[in-house]
Structure formats: structure tokens, C-alpha cells
Amino acid sequence: MDKKCVKPLLETKFVKVYDLQYEEGKHYFDATRHDAEHLTATLTEEEFKHMQADAATCYVVLKTPGEAPRLLLNYEYRYPVGQYLLSVPAGLVDDCDKGKPDALLITAVREIKEETGITVKDTDKVFVINPCVFSTPGLTDESNGLVGAVIELDDLSSLDQTGAVGGEAFDGFCLVDKEKALELIKKGTDDRGIFYPMFTLGALMWFACDLWNK
């Protein structure tokens, strides 16, 4: 899309809205964190293929002695829906890390520490599952890189949610073994009867299919 076809409608510190006029008299609207010079819609195909995701979404597997591997989920308050939703650790790539080849891994390690209290060790495995997926491309160009982390802990005493920053609010953890992951996938809700985000479904399926161990 030619940048001349993009018209700003709303610009605030945290979100912007643009009118993408894809044909004469035809409009589509994009809610985004990007400024007009960095909209995904105006990238060339080659630039698009090499774009860097805005954030890292983390699929964390914990291995503790005497226990089967478990997927680490948390309950995070999601303001647009007004509920604590069964979620995965995630966060935006810091400006100082943008452009770095390992930006997603740096972001994942930081977010895991902030949202779970776990310090990722050199002996733990942290890897990119998918470098860039889109949240809801019918509404926004926001993108996430999916990062897997397989972490070994002696026990669960390090789990802590007091490192939350800004408006983040949490209400406990949910450790899910393979059997429980399949149950949650089939139910479509958590044990509180609340619907969960698409990224949580992705994490559950990834874990249940044993992709974390391949």
C-alpha cells in the first residue's frame, strides 16, 4: 500500500488509528502502536518477509524433580474484557533491543522474570518457535514472536508475580500437564469457566503435541 493512501485518524501515546484507503472511496482501519512511517501495511513484500515482531509471547515448560513436565500459565487481568484470563507471559520488545537479532529472546527472558519470578539460566533452553504471528490482523498490525522456554527448577519456590510493572495485575499460576492441557483444549474455557486467549490455545496445543521436546 502506498503511504499516500494512509490517513491518521487518532494519535495518542499508546495507540494510533489510521485509515487505509485501499481503493478510491474504500477504507479500512488499523489500530496500532506504530507511527505512520512504520506501518506494516506500507512495507514492501521483501520488507514484510524480514520484519521484526513487536512483542514476545512465551510458551514456558517447567521441569521439576519427581514431576512430569508442565506448561506454566498465569491469570492476568485483561482490561478490554474485564476478566482475569488464563494467559502466557508476554511483553513488548524494548526500543533499545529493536533491530537486534536476538531481540525476541532478550524480551522473553525479561518477561519471564517479571511475570513469573523465574530467572532463566544458561543451562535452560530458550528458542524461537515462530518469529512473527499476527494477533487480529482484521483490526491491528500488532505482531508477536513466539518463544519457547524449557526451564529446570529444583522446586517452585521462585514463582512470584510481584514483579509486575505498570498496569499489569495477576491472580496466580496454573501449572498444566499434558492430560490437563488436552482437557482445557476440549473445554474451551479454564477451570473457572472463563474463555481464554488464542495465544493460550496455541501454547496448550504446542505443549500437548510434545513440540516443546522436539
N, C-alpha and C. Protein backbone atom coordinates (compact mmCIF):
# COMPACT_ATOMS: atom_id res chain seq x y z
N MET A 1 0.84 -1.20 0.00
CA MET A 1 0.00 0.00 0.00
C MET A 1 0.87 1.25 0.00
N ASP A 2 0.54 2.18 -0.85
CA ASP A 2 1.28 3.44 -0.93
C ASP A 2 1.03 4.26 0.34
N LYS A 3 2.09 4.84 0.88
CA LYS A 3 1.96 5.63 2.09
C LYS A 3 1.03 6.84 1.90
N LYS A 4 0.86 7.26 0.66
CA LYS A 4 -0.03 8.38 0.38
C LYS A 4 -1.49 8.02 0.65
N CYS A 5 -1.78 6.72 0.72
CA CYS A 5 -3.15 6.26 0.95
C CYS A 5 -3.48 6.10 2.43
N VAL A 6 -2.53 6.45 3.28
CA VAL A 6 -2.71 6.30 4.72
C VAL A 6 -3.02 7.65 5.35
N LYS A 7 -4.14 7.70 6.08
CA LYS A 7 -4.54 8.95 6.73
C LYS A 7 -4.67 8.73 8.23
N PRO A 8 -3.96 9.51 9.05
CA PRO A 8 -4.09 9.35 10.51
C PRO A 8 -5.44 9.86 11.01
N LEU A 9 -6.08 9.08 11.87
CA LEU A 9 -7.37 9.47 12.44
C LEU A 9 -7.27 9.78 13.93
N LEU A 10 -6.36 9.08 14.62
CA LEU A 10 -6.19 9.26 16.06
C LEU A 10 -4.75 8.96 16.41
N GLU A 11 -4.14 9.83 17.19
CA GLU A 11 -2.76 9.61 17.63
C GLU A 11 -2.65 9.93 19.11
N THR A 12 -2.39 8.90 19.93
CA THR A 12 -2.15 9.07 21.36
C THR A 12 -0.82 8.42 21.71
N LYS A 13 -0.45 8.50 22.95
CA LYS A 13 0.82 7.93 23.38
C LYS A 13 0.85 6.42 23.21
N PHE A 14 -0.29 5.75 23.42
CA PHE A 14 -0.29 4.30 23.47
C PHE A 14 -0.92 3.63 22.26
N VAL A 15 -1.75 4.33 21.52
CA VAL A 15 -2.39 3.71 20.36
C VAL A 15 -2.67 4.77 19.30
N LYS A 16 -2.63 4.34 18.05
CA LYS A 16 -2.94 5.21 16.92
C LYS A 16 -3.92 4.48 16.01
N VAL A 17 -4.71 5.25 15.29
CA VAL A 17 -5.66 4.66 14.34
C VAL A 17 -5.45 5.33 12.99
N TYR A 18 -5.32 4.50 11.94
CA TYR A 18 -5.11 5.01 10.59
C TYR A 18 -6.21 4.51 9.66
N ASP A 19 -6.54 5.35 8.70
CA ASP A 19 -7.46 4.99 7.63
C ASP A 19 -6.61 4.51 6.45
N LEU A 20 -6.78 3.25 6.09
CA LEU A 20 -6.06 2.68 4.96
C LEU A 20 -7.00 2.68 3.76
N GLN A 21 -6.84 3.64 2.86
CA GLN A 21 -7.72 3.73 1.71
C GLN A 21 -7.17 2.85 0.60
N TYR A 22 -7.66 1.60 0.55
CA TYR A 22 -7.09 0.62 -0.37
C TYR A 22 -7.64 0.76 -1.80
N GLU A 23 -8.76 1.44 -1.93
CA GLU A 23 -9.28 1.81 -3.24
C GLU A 23 -9.99 3.15 -3.09
N GLU A 24 -10.25 3.80 -4.19
CA GLU A 24 -10.94 5.08 -4.15
C GLU A 24 -12.30 4.92 -3.46
N GLY A 25 -12.48 5.65 -2.37
CA GLY A 25 -13.73 5.61 -1.64
C GLY A 25 -13.91 4.40 -0.74
N LYS A 26 -12.90 3.54 -0.65
CA LYS A 26 -13.00 2.34 0.20
C LYS A 26 -11.93 2.42 1.29
N HIS A 27 -12.35 2.17 2.52
CA HIS A 27 -11.48 2.42 3.67
C HIS A 27 -11.40 1.20 4.60
N TYR A 28 -10.25 1.04 5.22
CA TYR A 28 -10.06 0.03 6.26
C TYR A 28 -9.31 0.71 7.39
N PHE A 29 -9.57 0.28 8.61
CA PHE A 29 -8.99 0.99 9.75
C PHE A 29 -8.04 0.09 10.53
N ASP A 30 -6.93 0.68 10.93
CA ASP A 30 -5.84 -0.04 11.58
C ASP A 30 -5.53 0.61 12.92
N ALA A 31 -5.76 -0.14 14.02
CA ALA A 31 -5.37 0.31 15.35
C ALA A 31 -3.99 -0.26 15.65
N THR A 32 -3.04 0.59 15.99
CA THR A 32 -1.66 0.14 16.05
C THR A 32 -0.84 0.96 17.04
N ARG A 33 0.31 0.43 17.41
CA ARG A 33 1.29 1.20 18.19
C ARG A 33 2.28 1.91 17.27
N HIS A 34 2.30 1.54 16.00
CA HIS A 34 3.28 2.08 15.07
C HIS A 34 2.94 3.50 14.63
N ASP A 35 3.98 4.25 14.32
CA ASP A 35 3.74 5.54 13.71
C ASP A 35 3.56 5.35 12.20
N ALA A 36 3.19 6.41 11.51
CA ALA A 36 2.84 6.30 10.08
C ALA A 36 4.00 5.80 9.23
N GLU A 37 5.23 6.06 9.66
CA GLU A 37 6.39 5.66 8.89
C GLU A 37 6.72 4.18 9.03
N HIS A 38 6.09 3.51 9.99
CA HIS A 38 6.45 2.11 10.25
C HIS A 38 5.24 1.18 10.24
N LEU A 39 4.20 1.54 9.54
CA LEU A 39 3.03 0.67 9.45
C LEU A 39 3.36 -0.57 8.62
N THR A 40 2.90 -1.70 9.09
CA THR A 40 3.14 -2.95 8.36
C THR A 40 2.50 -2.90 6.98
N ALA A 41 1.34 -2.25 6.85
CA ALA A 41 0.61 -2.22 5.59
C ALA A 41 1.40 -1.55 4.46
N THR A 42 2.35 -0.71 4.80
CA THR A 42 3.09 0.02 3.77
C THR A 42 4.44 -0.61 3.46
N LEU A 43 4.76 -1.74 4.09
CA LEU A 43 6.02 -2.42 3.82
C LEU A 43 5.98 -3.07 2.44
N THR A 44 7.13 -3.14 1.80
CA THR A 44 7.22 -3.93 0.57
C THR A 44 7.17 -5.41 0.95
N GLU A 45 6.94 -6.26 -0.03
CA GLU A 45 6.89 -7.70 0.27
C GLU A 45 8.19 -8.19 0.88
N GLU A 46 9.31 -7.68 0.40
CA GLU A 46 10.60 -8.11 0.92
C GLU A 46 10.80 -7.61 2.35
N GLU A 47 10.40 -6.36 2.61
CA GLU A 47 10.49 -5.82 3.97
C GLU A 47 9.59 -6.60 4.91
N PHE A 48 8.41 -6.95 4.42
CA PHE A 48 7.46 -7.72 5.23
C PHE A 48 8.05 -9.06 5.64
N LYS A 49 8.73 -9.72 4.72
CA LYS A 49 9.31 -11.04 5.00
C LYS A 49 10.39 -10.99 6.07
N HIS A 50 10.96 -9.81 6.28
CA HIS A 50 12.06 -9.69 7.23
C HIS A 50 11.72 -8.78 8.42
N MET A 51 10.44 -8.47 8.59
CA MET A 51 10.04 -7.58 9.69
C MET A 51 10.27 -8.25 11.04
N GLN A 52 10.46 -7.44 12.05
CA GLN A 52 10.66 -7.94 13.41
C GLN A 52 9.36 -7.75 14.20
N ALA A 53 9.00 -8.76 14.96
CA ALA A 53 7.77 -8.70 15.74
C ALA A 53 7.84 -7.62 16.81
N ASP A 54 6.67 -7.11 17.18
CA ASP A 54 6.59 -6.05 18.19
C ASP A 54 6.81 -6.58 19.60
N ALA A 55 6.50 -7.86 19.82
CA ALA A 55 6.50 -8.40 21.18
C ALA A 55 6.89 -9.87 21.17
N ALA A 56 7.17 -10.38 22.34
CA ALA A 56 7.45 -11.81 22.52
C ALA A 56 6.37 -12.43 23.38
N THR A 57 5.81 -13.54 22.91
CA THR A 57 4.85 -14.33 23.67
C THR A 57 5.55 -15.63 24.04
N CYS A 58 5.53 -15.98 25.33
CA CYS A 58 6.38 -17.05 25.83
C CYS A 58 5.60 -18.31 26.19
N TYR A 59 6.02 -19.43 25.63
CA TYR A 59 5.48 -20.73 26.00
C TYR A 59 6.52 -21.39 26.91
N VAL A 60 6.21 -21.44 28.20
CA VAL A 60 7.19 -21.86 29.21
C VAL A 60 6.85 -23.24 29.75
N VAL A 61 7.80 -24.16 29.64
CA VAL A 61 7.67 -25.50 30.19
C VAL A 61 8.60 -25.63 31.39
N LEU A 62 8.05 -26.09 32.51
CA LEU A 62 8.85 -26.28 33.72
C LEU A 62 9.12 -27.76 33.94
N LYS A 63 10.36 -28.05 34.29
CA LYS A 63 10.75 -29.43 34.64
C LYS A 63 11.27 -29.40 36.07
N THR A 64 10.57 -30.08 36.98
CA THR A 64 10.97 -30.16 38.38
C THR A 64 11.12 -31.62 38.77
N PRO A 65 12.00 -31.93 39.71
CA PRO A 65 12.23 -33.33 40.11
C PRO A 65 10.95 -34.03 40.56
N GLY A 66 10.75 -35.25 40.07
CA GLY A 66 9.62 -36.06 40.51
C GLY A 66 8.29 -35.69 39.89
N GLU A 67 8.28 -34.72 38.96
CA GLU A 67 7.04 -34.28 38.32
C GLU A 67 7.15 -34.38 36.80
N ALA A 68 6.04 -34.65 36.16
CA ALA A 68 6.00 -34.59 34.70
C ALA A 68 6.19 -33.14 34.27
N PRO A 69 6.75 -32.90 33.09
CA PRO A 69 6.87 -31.52 32.59
C PRO A 69 5.51 -30.84 32.57
N ARG A 70 5.50 -29.54 32.90
CA ARG A 70 4.24 -28.80 32.94
C ARG A 70 4.38 -27.46 32.23
N LEU A 71 3.30 -27.08 31.58
CA LEU A 71 3.22 -25.76 30.94
C LEU A 71 2.84 -24.74 32.00
N LEU A 72 3.58 -23.63 32.04
CA LEU A 72 3.33 -22.57 33.02
C LEU A 72 2.40 -21.51 32.44
N LEU A 73 1.21 -21.40 33.00
CA LEU A 73 0.26 -20.37 32.63
C LEU A 73 -0.02 -19.50 33.84
N ASN A 74 -0.52 -18.29 33.61
CA ASN A 74 -0.86 -17.42 34.71
C ASN A 74 -2.22 -16.78 34.47
N TYR A 75 -2.79 -16.22 35.51
CA TYR A 75 -4.03 -15.47 35.38
C TYR A 75 -3.68 -13.99 35.38
N GLU A 76 -3.87 -13.35 34.22
CA GLU A 76 -3.57 -11.93 34.09
C GLU A 76 -4.85 -11.17 33.78
N TYR A 77 -5.02 -10.03 34.43
CA TYR A 77 -6.21 -9.21 34.20
C TYR A 77 -6.11 -8.54 32.85
N ARG A 78 -7.13 -8.75 32.02
CA ARG A 78 -7.15 -8.17 30.68
C ARG A 78 -8.24 -7.10 30.65
N TYR A 79 -7.82 -5.87 30.62
CA TYR A 79 -8.74 -4.73 30.76
C TYR A 79 -9.85 -4.70 29.71
N PRO A 80 -9.56 -4.97 28.43
CA PRO A 80 -10.65 -4.87 27.45
C PRO A 80 -11.80 -5.84 27.67
N VAL A 81 -11.53 -6.97 28.36
CA VAL A 81 -12.62 -7.92 28.63
C VAL A 81 -13.04 -7.93 30.10
N GLY A 82 -12.28 -7.22 30.94
CA GLY A 82 -12.67 -7.08 32.34
C GLY A 82 -12.60 -8.35 33.15
N GLN A 83 -11.68 -9.26 32.79
CA GLN A 83 -11.57 -10.55 33.48
C GLN A 83 -10.10 -10.94 33.63
N TYR A 84 -9.83 -11.78 34.64
CA TYR A 84 -8.54 -12.45 34.70
C TYR A 84 -8.60 -13.63 33.74
N LEU A 85 -7.73 -13.64 32.74
CA LEU A 85 -7.73 -14.70 31.74
C LEU A 85 -6.50 -15.58 31.87
N LEU A 86 -6.69 -16.86 31.61
CA LEU A 86 -5.59 -17.81 31.62
C LEU A 86 -4.65 -17.45 30.47
N SER A 87 -3.44 -17.04 30.79
CA SER A 87 -2.56 -16.40 29.82
C SER A 87 -1.15 -16.96 29.87
N VAL A 88 -0.33 -16.50 28.94
CA VAL A 88 1.10 -16.83 28.92
C VAL A 88 1.90 -15.56 29.12
N PRO A 89 3.13 -15.65 29.66
CA PRO A 89 3.95 -14.46 29.81
C PRO A 89 4.23 -13.82 28.45
N ALA A 90 4.19 -12.50 28.39
CA ALA A 90 4.40 -11.80 27.13
C ALA A 90 4.73 -10.34 27.40
N GLY A 91 5.38 -9.71 26.42
CA GLY A 91 5.68 -8.29 26.56
C GLY A 91 6.29 -7.72 25.30
N LEU A 92 6.23 -6.39 25.19
CA LEU A 92 6.77 -5.69 24.03
C LEU A 92 8.29 -5.72 24.02
N VAL A 93 8.85 -5.73 22.83
CA VAL A 93 10.30 -5.58 22.67
C VAL A 93 10.67 -4.14 23.04
N ASP A 94 11.65 -3.98 23.92
CA ASP A 94 12.09 -2.63 24.29
C ASP A 94 12.73 -1.92 23.10
N ASP A 95 12.59 -0.60 23.08
CA ASP A 95 13.17 0.18 21.98
C ASP A 95 14.67 -0.08 21.83
N CYS A 96 15.36 -0.25 22.96
CA CYS A 96 16.81 -0.45 22.91
C CYS A 96 17.20 -1.80 22.31
N ASP A 97 16.24 -2.73 22.22
CA ASP A 97 16.54 -4.06 21.68
C ASP A 97 16.05 -4.25 20.25
N LYS A 98 15.25 -3.31 19.75
CA LYS A 98 14.73 -3.43 18.39
C LYS A 98 15.89 -3.43 17.40
N GLY A 99 15.82 -4.34 16.45
CA GLY A 99 16.87 -4.45 15.45
C GLY A 99 17.93 -5.47 15.81
N LYS A 100 17.98 -5.89 17.07
CA LYS A 100 18.95 -6.91 17.46
C LYS A 100 18.47 -8.29 16.99
N PRO A 101 19.38 -9.14 16.52
CA PRO A 101 18.97 -10.46 16.04
C PRO A 101 18.34 -11.34 17.11
N ASP A 102 18.69 -11.11 18.36
CA ASP A 102 18.15 -11.91 19.46
C ASP A 102 17.15 -11.12 20.31
N ALA A 103 16.51 -10.12 19.71
CA ALA A 103 15.57 -9.26 20.45
C ALA A 103 14.45 -10.06 21.10
N LEU A 104 13.91 -11.06 20.42
CA LEU A 104 12.80 -11.84 20.98
C LEU A 104 13.26 -12.64 22.19
N LEU A 105 14.46 -13.19 22.13
CA LEU A 105 14.97 -13.97 23.26
C LEU A 105 15.25 -13.07 24.47
N ILE A 106 15.81 -11.90 24.21
CA ILE A 106 16.07 -10.93 25.29
C ILE A 106 14.75 -10.55 25.95
N THR A 107 13.75 -10.27 25.13
CA THR A 107 12.44 -9.88 25.65
C THR A 107 11.80 -11.01 26.45
N ALA A 108 11.89 -12.23 25.95
CA ALA A 108 11.30 -13.38 26.62
C ALA A 108 11.91 -13.60 28.00
N VAL A 109 13.22 -13.54 28.07
CA VAL A 109 13.91 -13.75 29.36
C VAL A 109 13.48 -12.68 30.36
N ARG A 110 13.37 -11.43 29.90
CA ARG A 110 12.95 -10.34 30.78
C ARG A 110 11.52 -10.52 31.26
N GLU A 111 10.62 -10.86 30.33
CA GLU A 111 9.22 -11.01 30.70
C GLU A 111 8.98 -12.21 31.61
N ILE A 112 9.68 -13.28 31.38
CA ILE A 112 9.55 -14.45 32.27
C ILE A 112 9.95 -14.07 33.69
N LYS A 113 11.02 -13.30 33.82
CA LYS A 113 11.46 -12.87 35.14
C LYS A 113 10.42 -11.95 35.78
N GLU A 114 9.92 -10.97 35.02
CA GLU A 114 8.97 -10.01 35.59
C GLU A 114 7.65 -10.66 35.97
N GLU A 115 7.14 -11.56 35.14
CA GLU A 115 5.80 -12.07 35.34
C GLU A 115 5.73 -13.39 36.12
N THR A 116 6.86 -14.08 36.24
CA THR A 116 6.84 -15.36 36.96
C THR A 116 7.84 -15.43 38.10
N GLY A 117 8.81 -14.52 38.11
CA GLY A 117 9.85 -14.56 39.13
C GLY A 117 10.99 -15.49 38.80
N ILE A 118 10.91 -16.21 37.70
CA ILE A 118 11.94 -17.18 37.34
C ILE A 118 13.08 -16.52 36.59
N THR A 119 14.29 -16.76 37.04
CA THR A 119 15.48 -16.31 36.34
C THR A 119 15.94 -17.41 35.40
N VAL A 120 15.94 -17.14 34.11
CA VAL A 120 16.36 -18.14 33.14
C VAL A 120 17.87 -18.33 33.23
N LYS A 121 18.30 -19.57 33.34
CA LYS A 121 19.72 -19.90 33.49
C LYS A 121 20.34 -20.24 32.13
N ASP A 122 21.67 -20.20 32.09
CA ASP A 122 22.37 -20.55 30.86
C ASP A 122 22.10 -21.99 30.44
N THR A 123 21.78 -22.83 31.40
CA THR A 123 21.54 -24.25 31.11
C THR A 123 20.11 -24.51 30.64
N ASP A 124 19.23 -23.52 30.75
CA ASP A 124 17.86 -23.66 30.27
C ASP A 124 17.81 -23.42 28.76
N LYS A 125 16.77 -23.90 28.13
CA LYS A 125 16.62 -23.74 26.69
C LYS A 125 15.62 -22.63 26.38
N VAL A 126 16.03 -21.66 25.59
CA VAL A 126 15.14 -20.59 25.13
C VAL A 126 15.32 -20.48 23.63
N PHE A 127 14.22 -20.56 22.87
CA PHE A 127 14.33 -20.65 21.42
C PHE A 127 13.09 -20.05 20.76
N VAL A 128 13.26 -19.60 19.54
CA VAL A 128 12.15 -19.03 18.78
C VAL A 128 11.33 -20.14 18.14
N ILE A 129 10.04 -20.15 18.40
CA ILE A 129 9.11 -21.10 17.79
C ILE A 129 8.65 -20.56 16.44
N ASN A 130 8.25 -19.30 16.45
CA ASN A 130 7.81 -18.62 15.23
C ASN A 130 8.19 -17.15 15.37
N PRO A 131 8.92 -16.58 14.40
CA PRO A 131 9.42 -15.22 14.57
C PRO A 131 8.37 -14.13 14.49
N CYS A 132 7.20 -14.42 13.89
CA CYS A 132 6.21 -13.34 13.76
C CYS A 132 4.84 -13.90 13.41
N VAL A 133 3.90 -13.73 14.32
CA VAL A 133 2.50 -14.06 14.05
C VAL A 133 1.67 -12.82 14.39
N PHE A 134 0.50 -12.70 13.77
CA PHE A 134 -0.33 -11.53 13.98
C PHE A 134 -1.48 -11.86 14.93
N SER A 135 -1.82 -10.88 15.77
CA SER A 135 -2.86 -11.08 16.77
C SER A 135 -4.24 -11.15 16.10
N THR A 136 -4.73 -10.04 15.64
CA THR A 136 -6.01 -9.97 14.93
C THR A 136 -5.83 -9.03 13.75
N PRO A 137 -5.31 -9.53 12.62
CA PRO A 137 -4.95 -8.65 11.51
C PRO A 137 -6.14 -7.97 10.83
N GLY A 138 -7.36 -8.29 11.26
CA GLY A 138 -8.51 -7.55 10.77
C GLY A 138 -8.73 -6.26 11.54
N LEU A 139 -7.95 -6.06 12.60
CA LEU A 139 -8.11 -4.88 13.45
C LEU A 139 -6.79 -4.14 13.65
N THR A 140 -5.68 -4.88 13.73
CA THR A 140 -4.41 -4.27 14.10
C THR A 140 -3.26 -4.97 13.38
N ASP A 141 -2.14 -4.26 13.23
CA ASP A 141 -0.94 -4.89 12.65
C ASP A 141 0.01 -5.37 13.74
N GLU A 142 -0.45 -5.39 14.99
CA GLU A 142 0.41 -5.84 16.09
C GLU A 142 0.86 -7.27 15.86
N SER A 143 2.13 -7.54 16.11
CA SER A 143 2.69 -8.87 15.87
C SER A 143 3.46 -9.37 17.08
N ASN A 144 3.53 -10.69 17.19
CA ASN A 144 4.24 -11.34 18.29
C ASN A 144 5.16 -12.42 17.76
N GLY A 145 6.34 -12.52 18.34
CA GLY A 145 7.19 -13.67 18.10
C GLY A 145 6.91 -14.69 19.19
N LEU A 146 6.75 -15.94 18.81
CA LEU A 146 6.51 -16.99 19.80
C LEU A 146 7.84 -17.58 20.23
N VAL A 147 8.08 -17.56 21.54
CA VAL A 147 9.35 -18.03 22.10
C VAL A 147 9.08 -19.18 23.07
N GLY A 148 9.78 -20.28 22.88
CA GLY A 148 9.68 -21.40 23.80
C GLY A 148 10.78 -21.34 24.84
N ALA A 149 10.47 -21.78 26.06
CA ALA A 149 11.47 -21.84 27.12
C ALA A 149 11.25 -23.14 27.91
N VAL A 150 12.28 -23.93 28.02
CA VAL A 150 12.23 -25.15 28.83
C VAL A 150 13.18 -24.93 30.00
N ILE A 151 12.59 -24.82 31.18
CA ILE A 151 13.33 -24.38 32.36
C ILE A 151 13.32 -25.46 33.43
N GLU A 152 14.48 -25.75 33.97
CA GLU A 152 14.60 -26.73 35.06
C GLU A 152 14.70 -26.02 36.39
N LEU A 153 13.84 -26.42 37.34
CA LEU A 153 13.83 -25.84 38.68
C LEU A 153 13.90 -26.95 39.72
N ASP A 154 14.58 -26.66 40.82
CA ASP A 154 14.62 -27.62 41.92
C ASP A 154 13.25 -27.72 42.58
N ASP A 155 12.56 -26.59 42.68
CA ASP A 155 11.22 -26.54 43.25
C ASP A 155 10.53 -25.30 42.71
N LEU A 156 9.33 -25.04 43.18
CA LEU A 156 8.55 -23.92 42.66
C LEU A 156 8.59 -22.68 43.55
N SER A 157 9.53 -22.64 44.48
CA SER A 157 9.57 -21.54 45.44
C SER A 157 9.89 -20.20 44.80
N SER A 158 10.48 -20.22 43.60
CA SER A 158 10.85 -18.95 42.95
C SER A 158 9.67 -18.31 42.22
N LEU A 159 8.55 -19.02 42.07
CA LEU A 159 7.40 -18.44 41.38
C LEU A 159 6.86 -17.24 42.14
N ASP A 160 6.74 -16.13 41.45
CA ASP A 160 6.39 -14.87 42.11
C ASP A 160 5.83 -13.90 41.07
N GLN A 161 4.75 -13.21 41.42
CA GLN A 161 4.13 -12.27 40.48
C GLN A 161 4.23 -10.82 40.93
N THR A 162 5.10 -10.55 41.89
CA THR A 162 5.22 -9.18 42.40
C THR A 162 6.08 -8.30 41.50
N GLY A 163 6.67 -8.87 40.45
CA GLY A 163 7.49 -8.08 39.54
C GLY A 163 6.70 -7.39 38.45
N ALA A 164 5.38 -7.49 38.52
CA ALA A 164 4.53 -6.87 37.50
C ALA A 164 4.79 -5.37 37.43
N VAL A 165 4.76 -4.83 36.21
CA VAL A 165 5.03 -3.41 36.02
C VAL A 165 3.81 -2.72 35.41
N GLY A 166 3.74 -1.40 35.59
CA GLY A 166 2.65 -0.63 35.00
C GLY A 166 1.29 -1.09 35.51
N GLY A 167 0.36 -1.28 34.58
CA GLY A 167 -0.99 -1.68 34.95
C GLY A 167 -1.20 -3.17 35.00
N GLU A 168 -0.12 -3.95 34.93
CA GLU A 168 -0.26 -5.40 34.96
C GLU A 168 -0.78 -5.87 36.31
N ALA A 169 -1.70 -6.83 36.28
CA ALA A 169 -2.26 -7.40 37.51
C ALA A 169 -2.43 -8.90 37.31
N PHE A 170 -2.02 -9.68 38.31
CA PHE A 170 -2.05 -11.14 38.20
C PHE A 170 -2.80 -11.75 39.37
N ASP A 171 -3.27 -12.98 39.14
CA ASP A 171 -4.04 -13.68 40.16
C ASP A 171 -3.67 -15.16 40.21
N GLY A 172 -2.37 -15.43 40.28
CA GLY A 172 -1.91 -16.79 40.46
C GLY A 172 -1.48 -17.50 39.19
N PHE A 173 -0.93 -18.70 39.39
CA PHE A 173 -0.41 -19.52 38.31
C PHE A 173 -1.29 -20.75 38.09
N CYS A 174 -1.11 -21.35 36.93
CA CYS A 174 -1.76 -22.62 36.62
C CYS A 174 -0.72 -23.49 35.93
N LEU A 175 -0.30 -24.58 36.59
CA LEU A 175 0.67 -25.50 36.01
C LEU A 175 -0.08 -26.66 35.38
N VAL A 176 0.16 -26.87 34.09
CA VAL A 176 -0.67 -27.78 33.30
C VAL A 176 0.17 -28.93 32.75
N ASP A 177 -0.17 -30.17 33.12
CA ASP A 177 0.49 -31.31 32.50
C ASP A 177 -0.22 -31.63 31.19
N LYS A 178 0.27 -32.64 30.47
CA LYS A 178 -0.27 -32.93 29.15
C LYS A 178 -1.75 -33.30 29.20
N GLU A 179 -2.13 -34.11 30.18
CA GLU A 179 -3.52 -34.51 30.30
C GLU A 179 -4.43 -33.30 30.55
N LYS A 180 -3.97 -32.39 31.41
CA LYS A 180 -4.76 -31.20 31.71
C LYS A 180 -4.82 -30.27 30.49
N ALA A 181 -3.73 -30.19 29.74
CA ALA A 181 -3.72 -29.36 28.54
C ALA A 181 -4.78 -29.83 27.55
N LEU A 182 -4.87 -31.12 27.35
CA LEU A 182 -5.88 -31.68 26.44
C LEU A 182 -7.30 -31.39 26.95
N GLU A 183 -7.47 -31.47 28.27
CA GLU A 183 -8.78 -31.18 28.85
C GLU A 183 -9.17 -29.72 28.60
N LEU A 184 -8.23 -28.80 28.79
CA LEU A 184 -8.52 -27.38 28.59
C LEU A 184 -8.81 -27.07 27.12
N ILE A 185 -8.09 -27.74 26.23
CA ILE A 185 -8.34 -27.55 24.80
C ILE A 185 -9.76 -27.97 24.45
N LYS A 186 -10.18 -29.11 24.97
CA LYS A 186 -11.51 -29.63 24.66
C LYS A 186 -12.61 -28.77 25.30
N LYS A 187 -12.38 -28.27 26.51
CA LYS A 187 -13.38 -27.47 27.20
C LYS A 187 -13.57 -26.09 26.57
N GLY A 188 -12.46 -25.49 26.15
CA GLY A 188 -12.53 -24.14 25.59
C GLY A 188 -12.60 -23.05 26.63
N THR A 189 -12.55 -23.42 27.90
CA THR A 189 -12.51 -22.46 29.00
C THR A 189 -11.52 -22.95 30.04
N ASP A 190 -11.19 -22.08 30.99
CA ASP A 190 -10.35 -22.52 32.09
C ASP A 190 -11.23 -23.18 33.16
N ASP A 191 -10.65 -23.53 34.29
CA ASP A 191 -11.42 -24.21 35.33
C ASP A 191 -12.40 -23.29 36.03
N ARG A 192 -12.31 -21.99 35.77
CA ARG A 192 -13.26 -21.04 36.32
C ARG A 192 -14.44 -20.79 35.36
N GLY A 193 -14.37 -21.47 34.21
CA GLY A 193 -15.43 -21.31 33.22
C GLY A 193 -15.26 -20.08 32.34
N ILE A 194 -14.05 -19.49 32.35
CA ILE A 194 -13.78 -18.26 31.59
C ILE A 194 -13.04 -18.60 30.30
N PHE A 195 -13.44 -17.97 29.20
CA PHE A 195 -12.76 -18.17 27.93
C PHE A 195 -11.32 -17.65 28.02
N TYR A 196 -10.42 -18.26 27.25
CA TYR A 196 -9.02 -17.84 27.29
C TYR A 196 -8.55 -17.34 25.92
N PRO A 197 -7.41 -16.62 25.88
CA PRO A 197 -6.92 -16.03 24.63
C PRO A 197 -6.44 -17.08 23.63
N MET A 198 -6.40 -16.67 22.36
CA MET A 198 -5.92 -17.55 21.30
C MET A 198 -4.47 -17.97 21.54
N PHE A 199 -3.65 -17.07 22.09
CA PHE A 199 -2.26 -17.43 22.35
C PHE A 199 -2.17 -18.54 23.40
N THR A 200 -3.10 -18.57 24.32
CA THR A 200 -3.13 -19.65 25.31
C THR A 200 -3.48 -20.97 24.64
N LEU A 201 -4.44 -20.94 23.73
CA LEU A 201 -4.78 -22.15 22.97
C LEU A 201 -3.56 -22.65 22.20
N GLY A 202 -2.82 -21.73 21.58
CA GLY A 202 -1.61 -22.11 20.86
C GLY A 202 -0.60 -22.78 21.77
N ALA A 203 -0.42 -22.23 22.97
CA ALA A 203 0.52 -22.81 23.93
C ALA A 203 0.07 -24.20 24.36
N LEU A 204 -1.22 -24.36 24.62
CA LEU A 204 -1.75 -25.66 25.04
C LEU A 204 -1.55 -26.71 23.95
N MET A 205 -1.82 -26.36 22.71
CA MET A 205 -1.67 -27.30 21.60
C MET A 205 -0.21 -27.64 21.37
N TRP A 206 0.65 -26.62 21.41
CA TRP A 206 2.10 -26.83 21.26
C TRP A 206 2.62 -27.79 22.32
N PHE A 207 2.17 -27.60 23.54
CA PHE A 207 2.62 -28.44 24.66
C PHE A 207 2.03 -29.85 24.54
N ALA A 208 0.73 -29.95 24.27
CA ALA A 208 0.07 -31.24 24.20
C ALA A 208 0.62 -32.11 23.06
N CYS A 209 1.10 -31.47 22.00
CA CYS A 209 1.67 -32.20 20.86
C CYS A 209 3.15 -32.54 21.06
N ASP A 210 3.68 -32.23 22.24
CA ASP A 210 5.09 -32.51 22.57
C ASP A 210 6.08 -31.78 21.65
N LEU A 211 5.65 -30.68 21.05
CA LEU A 211 6.56 -29.94 20.18
C LEU A 211 7.67 -29.28 20.96
N TRP A 212 7.45 -29.02 22.24
CA TRP A 212 8.48 -28.40 23.06
C TRP A 212 9.71 -29.28 23.22
N ASN A 213 9.53 -30.58 23.01
CA ASN A 213 10.60 -31.56 23.25
C ASN A 213 11.17 -32.10 21.95
N LYS A 214 10.91 -31.39 20.81
CA LYS A 214 11.37 -31.89 19.51
C LYS A 214 12.24 -30.85 18.82
